[in-house]
C-alpha atoms as a PDB file:
ATOM      1  CA  UNK A   1       4.303  52.750 -80.822  1.00  0.00           C
ATOM      2  CA  UNK A   2       2.017  51.885 -77.982  1.00  0.00           C
ATOM      3  CA  UNK A   3       0.212  54.776 -76.324  1.00  0.00           C
ATOM      4  CA  UNK A   4      -0.086  54.878 -72.550  1.00  0.00           C
ATOM      5  CA  UNK A   5      -2.965  56.704 -71.012  1.00  0.00           C
ATOM      6  CA  UNK A   6      -3.492  58.529 -67.786  1.00  0.00           C
ATOM      7  CA  UNK A   7      -6.268  57.182 -65.664  1.00  0.00           C
ATOM      8  CA  UNK A   8      -8.684  59.938 -64.691  1.00  0.00           C
ATOM      9  CA  UNK A   9     -11.625  59.221 -62.435  1.00  0.00           C
ATOM     10  CA  UNK A  10     -14.215  61.542 -60.948  1.00  0.00           C
ATOM     11  CA  UNK A  11     -16.696  60.534 -58.305  1.00  0.00           C
ATOM     12  CA  UNK A  12     -19.769  62.503 -59.373  1.00  0.00           C
ATOM     13  CA  UNK A  13     -21.927  62.100 -56.316  1.00  0.00           C
ATOM     14  CA  UNK A  14     -21.805  60.992 -52.727  1.00  0.00           C
ATOM     15  CA  UNK A  15     -24.290  59.671 -50.236  1.00  0.00           C
ATOM     16  CA  UNK A  16     -24.665  61.407 -46.923  1.00  0.00           C
ATOM     17  CA  UNK A  17     -26.233  59.404 -44.138  1.00  0.00           C
ATOM     18  CA  UNK A  18     -27.219  60.810 -40.808  1.00  0.00           C
ATOM     19  CA  UNK A  19     -28.717  59.018 -37.839  1.00  0.00           C
ATOM     20  CA  UNK A  20     -29.805  59.539 -34.313  1.00  0.00           C
ATOM     21  CA  UNK A  21     -27.148  60.106 -31.726  1.00  0.00           C
ATOM     22  CA  UNK A  22     -26.435  57.022 -29.678  1.00  0.00           C
ATOM     23  CA  UNK A  23     -24.071  55.691 -27.080  1.00  0.00           C
ATOM     24  CA  UNK A  24     -21.334  53.686 -28.845  1.00  0.00           C
ATOM     25  CA  UNK A  25     -19.762  52.301 -25.665  1.00  0.00           C
ATOM     26  CA  UNK A  26     -19.725  48.531 -25.650  1.00  0.00           C
ATOM     27  CA  UNK A  27     -20.483  48.106 -29.359  1.00  0.00           C
ATOM     28  CA  UNK A  28     -18.368  45.622 -31.297  1.00  0.00           C
ATOM     29  CA  UNK A  29     -16.067  46.947 -33.993  1.00  0.00           C
ATOM     30  CA  UNK A  30     -17.671  46.753 -37.442  1.00  0.00           C
ATOM     31  CA  UNK A  31     -16.633  43.781 -39.558  1.00  0.00           C
ATOM     32  CA  UNK A  32     -16.843  43.370 -43.317  1.00  0.00           C
ATOM     33  CA  UNK A  33     -17.481  40.356 -45.557  1.00  0.00           C
ATOM     34  CA  UNK A  34     -14.456  38.256 -46.489  1.00  0.00           C
ATOM     35  CA  UNK A  35     -15.793  37.308 -49.938  1.00  0.00           C
ATOM     36  CA  UNK A  36     -12.782  36.377 -52.114  1.00  0.00           C
ATOM     37  CA  UNK A  37     -14.571  36.095 -55.477  1.00  0.00           C
ATOM     38  CA  UNK A  38     -14.594  39.063 -57.845  1.00  0.00           C
ATOM     39  CA  UNK A  39     -15.758  37.541 -61.131  1.00  0.00           C
ATOM     40  CA  UNK A  40     -16.697  33.854 -61.410  1.00  0.00           C
ATOM     41  CA  UNK A  41     -19.105  33.463 -64.378  1.00  0.00           C
ATOM     42  CA  UNK A  42     -20.488  36.861 -63.404  1.00  0.00           C
ATOM     43  CA  UNK A  43     -20.187  39.684 -60.898  1.00  0.00           C
ATOM     44  CA  UNK A  44     -19.856  38.639 -57.277  1.00  0.00           C
ATOM     45  CA  UNK A  45     -22.352  40.025 -54.763  1.00  0.00           C
ATOM     46  CA  UNK A  46     -22.249  43.814 -54.534  1.00  0.00           C
ATOM     47  CA  UNK A  47     -19.760  44.308 -57.388  1.00  0.00           C
ATOM     48  CA  UNK A  48     -20.161  47.338 -59.667  1.00  0.00           C
ATOM     49  CA  UNK A  49     -18.314  48.565 -62.765  1.00  0.00           C
ATOM     50  CA  UNK A  50     -17.356  52.080 -63.913  1.00  0.00           C
ATOM     51  CA  UNK A  51     -15.387  53.013 -67.032  1.00  0.00           C
ATOM     52  CA  UNK A  52     -12.427  55.374 -66.703  1.00  0.00           C
ATOM     53  CA  UNK A  53     -12.752  58.892 -68.074  1.00  0.00           C
ATOM     54  CA  UNK A  54     -11.813  59.132 -71.748  1.00  0.00           C
ATOM     55  CA  UNK A  55     -12.103  55.388 -72.302  1.00  0.00           C
ATOM     56  CA  UNK A  56     -14.536  53.518 -74.526  1.00  0.00           C
ATOM     57  CA  UNK A  57     -17.403  53.022 -72.078  1.00  0.00           C
ATOM     58  CA  UNK A  58     -18.576  49.923 -73.973  1.00  0.00           C
ATOM     59  CA  UNK A  59     -15.169  48.217 -74.023  1.00  0.00           C
ATOM     60  CA  UNK A  60     -16.168  45.816 -71.230  1.00  0.00           C
ATOM     61  CA  UNK A  61     -18.830  43.152 -71.541  1.00  0.00           C
ATOM     62  CA  UNK A  62     -19.612  39.727 -70.127  1.00  0.00           C
ATOM     63  CA  UNK A  63     -18.845  37.051 -72.738  1.00  0.00           C
ATOM     64  CA  UNK A  64     -20.977  33.911 -72.426  1.00  0.00           C
ATOM     65  CA  UNK A  65     -19.236  32.183 -75.343  1.00  0.00           C
ATOM     66  CA  UNK A  66     -15.631  32.318 -74.120  1.00  0.00           C
ATOM     67  CA  UNK A  67     -14.453  31.205 -70.665  1.00  0.00           C
ATOM     68  CA  UNK A  68     -11.447  29.586 -69.064  1.00  0.00           C
ATOM     69  CA  UNK A  69     -13.756  27.729 -66.711  1.00  0.00           C
ATOM     70  CA  UNK A  70     -17.502  27.764 -66.268  1.00  0.00           C
ATOM     71  CA  UNK A  71     -19.875  29.668 -68.514  1.00  0.00           C
ATOM     72  CA  UNK A  72     -18.665  33.263 -68.880  1.00  0.00           C
ATOM     73  CA  UNK A  73     -15.684  35.612 -68.802  1.00  0.00           C
ATOM     74  CA  UNK A  74     -14.892  39.329 -68.837  1.00  0.00           C
ATOM     75  CA  UNK A  75     -14.332  40.541 -72.417  1.00  0.00           C
ATOM     76  CA  UNK A  76     -12.321  43.726 -73.017  1.00  0.00           C
ATOM     77  CA  UNK A  77     -12.466  45.152 -76.554  1.00  0.00           C
ATOM     78  CA  UNK A  78      -9.543  47.574 -76.872  1.00  0.00           C
ATOM     79  CA  UNK A  79     -10.311  50.311 -79.448  1.00  0.00           C
ATOM     80  CA  UNK A  80      -8.039  51.556 -82.204  1.00  0.00           C
ATOM     81  CA  UNK A  81      -5.872  54.506 -81.221  1.00  0.00           C
ATOM     82  CA  UNK A  82      -8.099  57.192 -82.810  1.00  0.00           C
ATOM     83  CA  UNK A  83     -11.455  55.551 -82.195  1.00  0.00           C
ATOM     84  CA  UNK A  84     -14.062  58.303 -81.579  1.00  0.00           C
ATOM     85  CA  UNK A  85     -15.759  56.141 -78.931  1.00  0.00           C
ATOM     86  CA  UNK A  86     -12.708  56.360 -76.665  1.00  0.00           C
ATOM     87  CA  UNK A  87      -8.934  56.464 -76.725  1.00  0.00           C
ATOM     88  CA  UNK A  88      -8.425  53.273 -74.715  1.00  0.00           C
ATOM     89  CA  UNK A  89     -10.162  50.587 -72.651  1.00  0.00           C
ATOM     90  CA  UNK A  90     -10.182  50.982 -68.894  1.00  0.00           C
ATOM     91  CA  UNK A  91     -12.386  50.633 -65.874  1.00  0.00           C
ATOM     92  CA  UNK A  92     -12.742  49.681 -62.236  1.00  0.00           C
ATOM     93  CA  UNK A  93     -14.756  46.978 -60.455  1.00  0.00           C
ATOM     94  CA  UNK A  94     -15.720  48.122 -56.974  1.00  0.00           C
ATOM     95  CA  UNK A  95     -18.114  47.373 -54.152  1.00  0.00           C
ATOM     96  CA  UNK A  96     -20.344  49.743 -52.230  1.00  0.00           C
ATOM     97  CA  UNK A  97     -19.540  47.928 -48.978  1.00  0.00           C
ATOM     98  CA  UNK A  98     -15.905  47.179 -48.201  1.00  0.00           C
ATOM     99  CA  UNK A  99     -14.508  43.667 -47.912  1.00  0.00           C
ATOM    100  CA  UNK A 100     -12.021  42.275 -45.407  1.00  0.00           C
ATOM    101  CA  UNK A 101      -9.221  40.845 -47.561  1.00  0.00           C
ATOM    102  CA  UNK A 102      -6.675  40.567 -44.761  1.00  0.00           C
ATOM    103  CA  UNK A 103      -6.672  36.743 -44.827  1.00  0.00           C
ATOM    104  CA  UNK A 104      -5.495  36.562 -48.463  1.00  0.00           C
ATOM    105  CA  UNK A 105      -2.066  37.220 -49.952  1.00  0.00           C
ATOM    106  CA  UNK A 106      -2.673  37.437 -53.701  1.00  0.00           C
ATOM    107  CA  UNK A 107      -5.216  38.368 -56.370  1.00  0.00           C
ATOM    108  CA  UNK A 108      -5.299  35.776 -59.161  1.00  0.00           C
ATOM    109  CA  UNK A 109      -6.982  35.602 -62.558  1.00  0.00           C
ATOM    110  CA  UNK A 110      -6.756  33.849 -65.901  1.00  0.00           C
ATOM    111  CA  UNK A 111      -6.377  35.769 -69.166  1.00  0.00           C
ATOM    112  CA  UNK A 112      -5.896  35.323 -72.890  1.00  0.00           C
ATOM    113  CA  UNK A 113      -6.073  37.606 -75.942  1.00  0.00           C
ATOM    114  CA  UNK A 114      -6.864  37.602 -79.643  1.00  0.00           C
ATOM    115  CA  UNK A 115      -3.160  38.233 -80.301  1.00  0.00           C
ATOM    116  CA  UNK A 116       0.099  38.594 -78.390  1.00  0.00           C
ATOM    117  CA  UNK A 117       0.096  41.899 -76.501  1.00  0.00           C
ATOM    118  CA  UNK A 118       1.098  43.629 -73.257  1.00  0.00           C
ATOM    119  CA  UNK A 119      -1.735  45.023 -71.144  1.00  0.00           C
ATOM    120  CA  UNK A 120      -0.674  48.371 -69.691  1.00  0.00           C
ATOM    121  CA  UNK A 121      -2.050  48.020 -66.173  1.00  0.00           C
ATOM    122  CA  UNK A 122      -4.025  45.489 -64.114  1.00  0.00           C
ATOM    123  CA  UNK A 123      -4.541  45.744 -60.381  1.00  0.00           C
ATOM    124  CA  UNK A 124      -6.783  46.239 -57.365  1.00  0.00           C
ATOM    125  CA  UNK A 125      -7.330  48.923 -54.729  1.00  0.00           C
ATOM    126  CA  UNK A 126      -8.849  51.569 -56.999  1.00  0.00           C
ATOM    127  CA  UNK A 127     -12.056  52.467 -55.154  1.00  0.00           C
ATOM    128  CA  UNK A 128     -13.169  55.633 -57.003  1.00  0.00           C
ATOM    129  CA  UNK A 129     -11.870  57.661 -54.106  1.00  0.00           C
ATOM    130  CA  UNK A 130      -8.572  57.859 -52.270  1.00  0.00           C
ATOM    131  CA  UNK A 131      -7.185  54.652 -53.830  1.00  0.00           C
ATOM    132  CA  UNK A 132      -5.136  54.399 -50.653  1.00  0.00           C
ATOM    133  CA  UNK A 133      -4.091  50.777 -51.071  1.00  0.00           C
ATOM    134  CA  UNK A 134      -3.816  50.485 -54.831  1.00  0.00           C
ATOM    135  CA  UNK A 135      -1.479  47.830 -56.226  1.00  0.00           C
ATOM    136  CA  UNK A 136      -0.913  46.882 -59.864  1.00  0.00           C
ATOM    137  CA  UNK A 137       1.254  45.016 -62.326  1.00  0.00           C
ATOM    138  CA  UNK A 138       2.287  46.651 -65.602  1.00  0.00           C
ATOM    139  CA  UNK A 139       2.961  45.536 -69.179  1.00  0.00           C
ATOM    140  CA  UNK A 140       1.195  42.243 -68.518  1.00  0.00           C
ATOM    141  CA  UNK A 141       2.040  39.812 -71.363  1.00  0.00           C
ATOM    142  CA  UNK A 142      -0.950  37.979 -72.846  1.00  0.00           C
ATOM    143  CA  UNK A 143      -1.340  35.711 -75.873  1.00  0.00           C
ATOM    144  CA  UNK A 144      -3.899  33.374 -77.418  1.00  0.00           C
ATOM    145  CA  UNK A 145      -3.526  30.782 -74.640  1.00  0.00           C
ATOM    146  CA  UNK A 146      -5.126  30.968 -71.219  1.00  0.00           C
ATOM    147  CA  UNK A 147      -2.550  31.739 -68.509  1.00  0.00           C
ATOM    148  CA  UNK A 148      -2.835  32.344 -64.772  1.00  0.00           C
ATOM    149  CA  UNK A 149      -1.619  35.659 -63.362  1.00  0.00           C
ATOM    150  CA  UNK A 150      -0.809  36.759 -59.816  1.00  0.00           C
ATOM    151  CA  UNK A 151      -0.823  40.167 -58.130  1.00  0.00           C
ATOM    152  CA  UNK A 152       0.734  39.760 -54.657  1.00  0.00           C
ATOM    153  CA  UNK A 153      -0.813  41.845 -51.880  1.00  0.00           C
ATOM    154  CA  UNK A 154       1.999  43.972 -50.387  1.00  0.00           C
ATOM    155  CA  UNK A 155       0.565  43.881 -46.840  1.00  0.00           C
ATOM    156  CA  UNK A 156      -2.823  42.227 -46.465  1.00  0.00           C
ATOM    157  CA  UNK A 157      -3.256  43.470 -42.883  1.00  0.00           C
ATOM    158  CA  UNK A 158      -4.116  46.881 -44.364  1.00  0.00           C
ATOM    159  CA  UNK A 159      -7.076  45.560 -46.360  1.00  0.00           C
ATOM    160  CA  UNK A 160      -9.764  45.237 -43.701  1.00  0.00           C
ATOM    161  CA  UNK A 161     -12.260  47.496 -45.510  1.00  0.00           C
ATOM    162  CA  UNK A 162     -11.350  47.493 -49.202  1.00  0.00           C
ATOM    163  CA  UNK A 163     -13.771  48.488 -51.974  1.00  0.00           C
ATOM    164  CA  UNK A 164     -11.469  48.373 -54.995  1.00  0.00           C
ATOM    165  CA  UNK A 165     -11.617  44.783 -56.263  1.00  0.00           C
ATOM    166  CA  UNK A 166     -10.079  45.008 -59.746  1.00  0.00           C
ATOM    167  CA  UNK A 167      -9.151  47.476 -62.474  1.00  0.00           C
ATOM    168  CA  UNK A 168      -7.482  47.521 -65.868  1.00  0.00           C
ATOM    169  CA  UNK A 169      -6.230  50.020 -68.448  1.00  0.00           C
ATOM    170  CA  UNK A 170      -5.028  49.215 -71.957  1.00  0.00           C
ATOM    171  CA  UNK A 171      -4.400  51.172 -75.150  1.00  0.00           C
ATOM    172  CA  UNK A 172      -4.058  50.069 -78.735  1.00  0.00           C
ATOM    173  CA  UNK A 173      -1.073  47.960 -79.814  1.00  0.00           C
ATOM    174  CA  UNK A 174       0.698  49.470 -82.843  1.00  0.00           C
ATOM    175  CA  UNK A 175      -2.313  51.825 -83.136  1.00  0.00           C
ATOM    176  CA  UNK A 176      -4.747  48.915 -83.590  1.00  0.00           C
ATOM    177  CA  UNK A 177      -7.252  47.481 -81.165  1.00  0.00           C
ATOM    178  CA  UNK A 178      -7.698  43.875 -80.108  1.00  0.00           C
ATOM    179  CA  UNK A 179      -9.649  41.804 -77.577  1.00  0.00           C
ATOM    180  CA  UNK A 180      -8.604  40.119 -74.363  1.00  0.00           C
ATOM    181  CA  UNK A 181     -10.526  38.032 -71.861  1.00  0.00           C
ATOM    182  CA  UNK A 182     -10.193  37.710 -68.082  1.00  0.00           C
ATOM    183  CA  UNK A 183     -11.770  34.953 -65.994  1.00  0.00           C
ATOM    184  CA  UNK A 184     -11.785  33.428 -62.504  1.00  0.00           C
ATOM    185  CA  UNK A 185     -10.824  36.666 -60.716  1.00  0.00           C
ATOM    186  CA  UNK A 186     -10.477  36.062 -56.983  1.00  0.00           C
ATOM    187  CA  UNK A 187      -8.343  36.675 -53.911  1.00  0.00           C
ATOM    188  CA  UNK A 188      -6.474  33.649 -52.577  1.00  0.00           C
ATOM    189  CA  UNK A 189      -4.156  32.627 -49.749  1.00  0.00           C
ATOM    190  CA  UNK A 190      -1.379  30.715 -51.488  1.00  0.00           C
ATOM    191  CA  UNK A 191       1.610  29.276 -49.672  1.00  0.00           C
ATOM    192  CA  UNK A 192       3.432  29.328 -53.008  1.00  0.00           C
ATOM    193  CA  UNK A 193       3.503  33.152 -53.066  1.00  0.00           C
ATOM    194  CA  UNK A 194       6.577  33.865 -50.959  1.00  0.00           C
ATOM    195  CA  UNK A 195       9.209  36.376 -49.926  1.00  0.00           C
ATOM    196  CA  UNK A 196       7.181  39.563 -50.198  1.00  0.00           C
ATOM    197  CA  UNK A 197       9.519  42.532 -49.816  1.00  0.00           C
ATOM    198  CA  UNK A 198       9.419  46.265 -50.367  1.00  0.00           C
ATOM    199  CA  UNK A 199      11.513  48.948 -52.007  1.00  0.00           C
ATOM    200  CA  UNK A 200      11.346  52.725 -51.912  1.00  0.00           C
ATOM    201  CA  UNK A 201      13.043  55.086 -54.346  1.00  0.00           C
ATOM    202  CA  UNK A 202      13.643  52.183 -56.709  1.00  0.00           C
ATOM    203  CA  UNK A 203      15.677  50.371 -54.048  1.00  0.00           C
ATOM    204  CA  UNK A 204      18.366  53.054 -54.214  1.00  0.00           C
ATOM    205  CA  UNK A 205      19.790  55.243 -51.447  1.00  0.00           C
ATOM    206  CA  UNK A 206      18.851  58.588 -52.983  1.00  0.00           C
ATOM    207  CA  UNK A 207      20.421  61.819 -51.690  1.00  0.00           C
ATOM    208  CA  UNK A 208      18.888  65.236 -52.419  1.00  0.00           C
ATOM    209  CA  UNK A 209      19.826  68.802 -51.578  1.00  0.00           C
ATOM    210  CA  UNK A 210      16.825  70.823 -50.501  1.00  0.00           C
ATOM    211  CA  UNK A 211      15.557  73.977 -48.847  1.00  0.00           C
ATOM    212  CA  UNK A 212      12.881  74.572 -46.246  1.00  0.00           C
ATOM    213  CA  UNK A 213       9.397  74.120 -47.678  1.00  0.00           C
ATOM    214  CA  UNK A 214      10.341  71.622 -50.386  1.00  0.00           C
ATOM    215  CA  UNK A 215       8.282  68.438 -50.657  1.00  0.00           C
ATOM    216  CA  UNK A 216       9.063  65.010 -52.099  1.00  0.00           C
ATOM    217  CA  UNK A 217       6.851  62.004 -52.790  1.00  0.00           C
ATOM    218  CA  UNK A 218       8.311  58.599 -51.977  1.00  0.00           C
ATOM    219  CA  UNK A 219       7.936  55.993 -54.733  1.00  0.00           C
ATOM    220  CA  UNK A 220       7.195  52.438 -53.603  1.00  0.00           C
ATOM    221  CA  UNK A 221       7.410  48.961 -55.117  1.00  0.00           C
ATOM    222  CA  UNK A 222       6.758  45.510 -53.675  1.00  0.00           C
ATOM    223  CA  UNK A 223       7.882  42.187 -55.110  1.00  0.00           C
ATOM    224  CA  UNK A 224       7.255  38.515 -54.399  1.00  0.00           C
ATOM    225  CA  UNK A 225       8.221  35.072 -55.672  1.00  0.00           C
ATOM    226  CA  UNK A 226       5.364  33.431 -57.602  1.00  0.00           C
ATOM    227  CA  UNK A 227       4.491  29.744 -58.084  1.00  0.00           C
ATOM    228  CA  UNK A 228       5.598  29.979 -61.738  1.00  0.00           C
ATOM    229  CA  UNK A 229       9.115  31.049 -60.714  1.00  0.00           C
ATOM    230  CA  UNK A 230       8.694  34.720 -61.614  1.00  0.00           C
ATOM    231  CA  UNK A 231       9.831  37.423 -59.203  1.00  0.00           C
ATOM    232  CA  UNK A 232       6.849  39.730 -59.679  1.00  0.00           C
ATOM    233  CA  UNK A 233       7.157  43.470 -59.068  1.00  0.00           C
ATOM    234  CA  UNK A 234       4.030  45.342 -58.009  1.00  0.00           C
ATOM    235  CA  UNK A 235       3.512  49.084 -58.296  1.00  0.00           C
ATOM    236  CA  UNK A 236       2.433  49.841 -54.759  1.00  0.00           C
ATOM    237  CA  UNK A 237       0.709  52.759 -53.066  1.00  0.00           C
ATOM    238  CA  UNK A 238       3.005  54.238 -50.384  1.00  0.00           C
ATOM    239  CA  UNK A 239       0.298  53.759 -47.729  1.00  0.00           C
ATOM    240  CA  UNK A 240       1.201  50.055 -47.531  1.00  0.00           C
ATOM    241  CA  UNK A 241       4.530  51.110 -45.988  1.00  0.00           C
ATOM    242  CA  UNK A 242       5.368  52.490 -42.547  1.00  0.00           C
ATOM    243  CA  UNK A 243       7.702  55.476 -42.971  1.00  0.00           C
ATOM    244  CA  UNK A 244      10.083  57.058 -40.494  1.00  0.00           C
ATOM    245  CA  UNK A 245      12.478  60.000 -40.427  1.00  0.00           C
ATOM    246  CA  UNK A 246      15.777  60.027 -38.556  1.00  0.00           C
ATOM    247  CA  UNK A 247      15.257  63.736 -37.859  1.00  0.00           C
ATOM    248  CA  UNK A 248      11.625  64.909 -38.157  1.00  0.00           C
ATOM    249  CA  UNK A 249      12.643  68.466 -37.242  1.00  0.00           C
ATOM    250  CA  UNK A 250      14.539  68.603 -40.548  1.00  0.00           C
ATOM    251  CA  UNK A 251      12.296  66.456 -42.760  1.00  0.00           C
ATOM    252  CA  UNK A 252       8.959  64.923 -41.796  1.00  0.00           C
ATOM    253  CA  UNK A 253       7.212  62.105 -43.653  1.00  0.00           C
ATOM    254  CA  UNK A 254       3.483  61.344 -43.762  1.00  0.00           C
ATOM    255  CA  UNK A 255       1.842  57.919 -43.805  1.00  0.00           C
ATOM    256  CA  UNK A 256       1.337  58.349 -47.567  1.00  0.00           C
ATOM    257  CA  UNK A 257       5.031  58.957 -48.207  1.00  0.00           C
ATOM    258  CA  UNK A 258       5.023  62.736 -48.586  1.00  0.00           C
ATOM    259  CA  UNK A 259       8.276  64.219 -47.283  1.00  0.00           C
ATOM    260  CA  UNK A 260       8.314  67.866 -46.203  1.00  0.00           C
ATOM    261  CA  UNK A 261      11.532  69.757 -45.504  1.00  0.00           C
ATOM    262  CA  UNK A 262      11.128  71.663 -42.224  1.00  0.00           C
ATOM    263  CA  UNK A 263      14.533  73.223 -41.432  1.00  0.00           C
ATOM    264  CA  UNK A 264      18.281  73.126 -42.079  1.00  0.00           C
ATOM    265  CA  UNK A 265      20.117  69.862 -41.416  1.00  0.00           C
ATOM    266  CA  UNK A 266      20.071  66.265 -42.590  1.00  0.00           C
ATOM    267  CA  UNK A 267      17.463  63.521 -42.292  1.00  0.00           C
ATOM    268  CA  UNK A 268      17.150  59.999 -43.664  1.00  0.00           C
ATOM    269  CA  UNK A 269      13.729  58.660 -44.672  1.00  0.00           C
ATOM    270  CA  UNK A 270      13.332  54.880 -44.454  1.00  0.00           C
ATOM    271  CA  UNK A 271      10.377  52.501 -44.539  1.00  0.00           C
ATOM    272  CA  UNK A 272       9.077  49.086 -43.529  1.00  0.00           C
ATOM    273  CA  UNK A 273       6.705  46.801 -45.398  1.00  0.00           C
ATOM    274  CA  UNK A 274       5.055  44.769 -42.679  1.00  0.00           C
ATOM    275  CA  UNK A 275       7.839  43.870 -40.256  1.00  0.00           C
ATOM    276  CA  UNK A 276      10.620  43.977 -42.862  1.00  0.00           C
ATOM    277  CA  UNK A 277      12.867  46.914 -43.683  1.00  0.00           C
ATOM    278  CA  UNK A 278      12.312  48.185 -47.215  1.00  0.00           C
ATOM    279  CA  UNK A 279      15.302  48.483 -49.511  1.00  0.00           C
ATOM    280  CA  UNK A 280      16.242  52.066 -50.402  1.00  0.00           C
ATOM    281  CA  UNK A 281      16.122  55.413 -48.632  1.00  0.00           C
ATOM    282  CA  UNK A 282      15.894  59.152 -49.175  1.00  0.00           C
ATOM    283  CA  UNK A 283      18.508  61.362 -47.524  1.00  0.00           C
ATOM    284  CA  UNK A 284      17.561  65.040 -47.365  1.00  0.00           C
ATOM    285  CA  UNK A 285      20.344  67.595 -46.900  1.00  0.00           C
ATOM    286  CA  UNK A 286      18.646  70.917 -46.257  1.00  0.00           C
ATOM    287  CA  UNK A 287      20.341  74.314 -46.367  1.00  0.00           C
ATOM    288  CA  UNK A 288      17.382  75.939 -44.639  1.00  0.00           C
ATOM    289  CA  UNK A 289      15.423  78.922 -45.910  1.00  0.00           C
ATOM    290  CA  UNK A 290      15.405  79.188 -49.728  1.00  0.00           C
ATOM    291  CA  UNK A 291      17.495  81.759 -51.562  1.00  0.00           C
ATOM    292  CA  UNK A 292      15.264  84.037 -53.657  1.00  0.00           C
ATOM    293  CA  UNK A 293      15.990  86.617 -56.369  1.00  0.00           C
ATOM    294  CA  UNK A 294      16.425  90.146 -55.013  1.00  0.00           C
ATOM    295  CA  UNK A 295      14.295  91.639 -57.790  1.00  0.00           C
ATOM    296  CA  UNK A 296      11.716  90.297 -60.241  1.00  0.00           C
ATOM    297  CA  UNK A 297      12.407  89.857 -63.944  1.00  0.00           C
ATOM    298  CA  UNK A 298      11.985  92.949 -66.169  1.00  0.00           C
ATOM    299  CA  UNK A 299       8.442  93.537 -67.382  1.00  0.00           C
ATOM    300  CA  UNK A 300       7.938  92.500 -71.016  1.00  0.00           C
ATOM    301  CA  UNK A 301       7.042  95.181 -73.548  1.00  0.00           C
ATOM    302  CA  UNK A 302       5.725  93.079 -76.445  1.00  0.00           C
ATOM    303  CA  UNK A 303       2.144  93.772 -77.541  1.00  0.00           C
ATOM    304  CA  UNK A 304      -0.250  91.198 -76.049  1.00  0.00           C
ATOM    305  CA  UNK A 305      -1.731  90.415 -79.484  1.00  0.00           C
ATOM    306  CA  UNK A 306       1.645  89.025 -80.541  1.00  0.00           C
ATOM    307  CA  UNK A 307       2.201  86.894 -77.442  1.00  0.00           C
ATOM    308  CA  UNK A 308       1.171  83.391 -76.400  1.00  0.00           C
ATOM    309  CA  UNK A 309       1.912  83.470 -72.686  1.00  0.00           C
ATOM    310  CA  UNK A 310       2.512  80.404 -70.528  1.00  0.00           C
ATOM    311  CA  UNK A 311       3.438  82.075 -67.228  1.00  0.00           C
ATOM    312  CA  UNK A 312       3.341  85.851 -66.814  1.00  0.00           C
ATOM    313  CA  UNK A 313       1.720  88.531 -64.686  1.00  0.00           C
ATOM    314  CA  UNK A 314       1.559  90.872 -67.681  1.00  0.00           C
ATOM    315  CA  UNK A 315      -0.416  88.729 -70.142  1.00  0.00           C
ATOM    316  CA  UNK A 316      -3.333  86.316 -70.143  1.00  0.00           C
ATOM    317  CA  UNK A 317      -1.823  82.844 -69.829  1.00  0.00           C
ATOM    318  CA  UNK A 318      -2.955  79.832 -71.844  1.00  0.00           C
ATOM    319  CA  UNK A 319      -3.788  76.711 -69.811  1.00  0.00           C
ATOM    320  CA  UNK A 320      -0.805  74.516 -68.917  1.00  0.00           C
ATOM    321  CA  UNK A 321      -1.315  71.034 -67.453  1.00  0.00           C
ATOM    322  CA  UNK A 322       1.998  71.020 -65.583  1.00  0.00           C
ATOM    323  CA  UNK A 323       5.437  72.653 -65.708  1.00  0.00           C
ATOM    324  CA  UNK A 324       7.213  69.629 -64.246  1.00  0.00           C
ATOM    325  CA  UNK A 325       7.003  66.139 -65.727  1.00  0.00           C
ATOM    326  CA  UNK A 326       7.694  64.450 -62.358  1.00  0.00           C
ATOM    327  CA  UNK A 327       9.340  61.468 -64.007  1.00  0.00           C
ATOM    328  CA  UNK A 328       9.656  58.347 -61.864  1.00  0.00           C
ATOM    329  CA  UNK A 329      12.407  58.700 -59.232  1.00  0.00           C
ATOM    330  CA  UNK A 330      12.959  62.361 -60.215  1.00  0.00           C
ATOM    331  CA  UNK A 331      13.674  64.674 -57.279  1.00  0.00           C
ATOM    332  CA  UNK A 332      13.123  67.935 -59.179  1.00  0.00           C
ATOM    333  CA  UNK A 333      10.689  70.173 -57.315  1.00  0.00           C
ATOM    334  CA  UNK A 334       8.571  73.137 -58.418  1.00  0.00           C
ATOM    335  CA  UNK A 335       7.203  75.952 -56.268  1.00  0.00           C
ATOM    336  CA  UNK A 336       5.256  79.166 -56.836  1.00  0.00           C
ATOM    337  CA  UNK A 337       6.866  82.123 -55.066  1.00  0.00           C
ATOM    338  CA  UNK A 338       6.561  85.910 -55.175  1.00  0.00           C
ATOM    339  CA  UNK A 339       9.249  88.578 -55.366  1.00  0.00           C
ATOM    340  CA  UNK A 340       7.976  92.151 -54.979  1.00  0.00           C
ATOM    341  CA  UNK A 341       4.491  90.980 -55.927  1.00  0.00           C
ATOM    342  CA  UNK A 342       5.641  89.217 -59.098  1.00  0.00           C
ATOM    343  CA  UNK A 343       4.824  85.505 -59.441  1.00  0.00           C
ATOM    344  CA  UNK A 344       7.842  83.291 -60.116  1.00  0.00           C
ATOM    345  CA  UNK A 345       8.192  79.562 -60.750  1.00  0.00           C
ATOM    346  CA  UNK A 346      11.081  78.232 -58.713  1.00  0.00           C
END
C-alpha cells in the first residue's frame, strides 16, 4: 500500500525591519515582479528551496543529464518507506519577494518517472507561512515518458503578491522508492484552459444540526477544462472563494471559510469563485445554547500505576494528536467543556 504523509512546515526565523516614519500620502501602491518562470534549466531569480519536515532533505537535486528541454531538470529521489534519511520526498520552492501572478491562469510543467507511479501532491501557493492561496493536484500519474501537466489557478486576481511558486510531496510506491523528474515549470496564460468553476462541500448541499459555539470549516475544490481534454480538479484553499451567509446572526463565515454558529435559527452558507456561484452549500440549523450534562462522570478509583489515561482529570494523560479524524466533508465537531470543574470532551 502507498503511504500518504502529512506535510509539516515550521518557519524557524523571521526578519523584522523597521524604518523611519514617513508620510505615505501620494505614494504609488507597491508592485511586484510578474516573472512567470519557476524552473527553466535552473532556479529562476530569487527562488529558494526548503524540504518538508520529516522528508529526506537530499531528495531534490538539479539533474544536468536529464531534461525535457534545455540542459537540466529537477530530480526527485523518493526514498523507500522505512529509509532512515526520511519517510518521503517533499519540499517547497518559494521566493523572498512576492510575484504578481494575476495575469496567468495556469501553472504548467513537464514530468516523467523511472516507473509508472502516482505522485501524491503537486501544487503552488505554499509560502512557508499562511499558505493562504494554496492550490494542488493529487495522485498525479507519471510514467517513463515526458508529459505536460496543468494546475489551473482558481482565481488569479488573488495572486498579486505570491511567494509560493511550487511544491511537491510523494511517498514510496509499494514500500519502494523511485525517481521522477520535473522540468519547464512556469506560469502561463493559456486560452485552452477554460471553464474554471468552484465547488464547496464537495458540490453537495450539506445540512447540519448544530448548537451555539460550534464551528465548521468549508472544504473547497476548483476544476477546469484542460487542453488535453481532462476536466482537472484542484484542491483549493478556501481563501480563493468569497463566502456569504444568509443569516449572519445565526451562522457567520470568515474569508477563509470558517463557519461559526452564533445563535438559534437557520442559515445557508454559499460561495462564489470569481463572479460565478460555486456549486454546493452548507445549511446550519442551530438549536441555540448547547445541552450539557447536569453532573460530571464518576471519579475513577483504579490505581494510577495500572492506568494509561488518554483524557482524565484524575490521571496523567499520555499525548494524543487528535480525538477527531476530521475526515473530508465530515461535519462532526469536538469541543472542550467543563461541568462542575471537570473537563469533558463534547
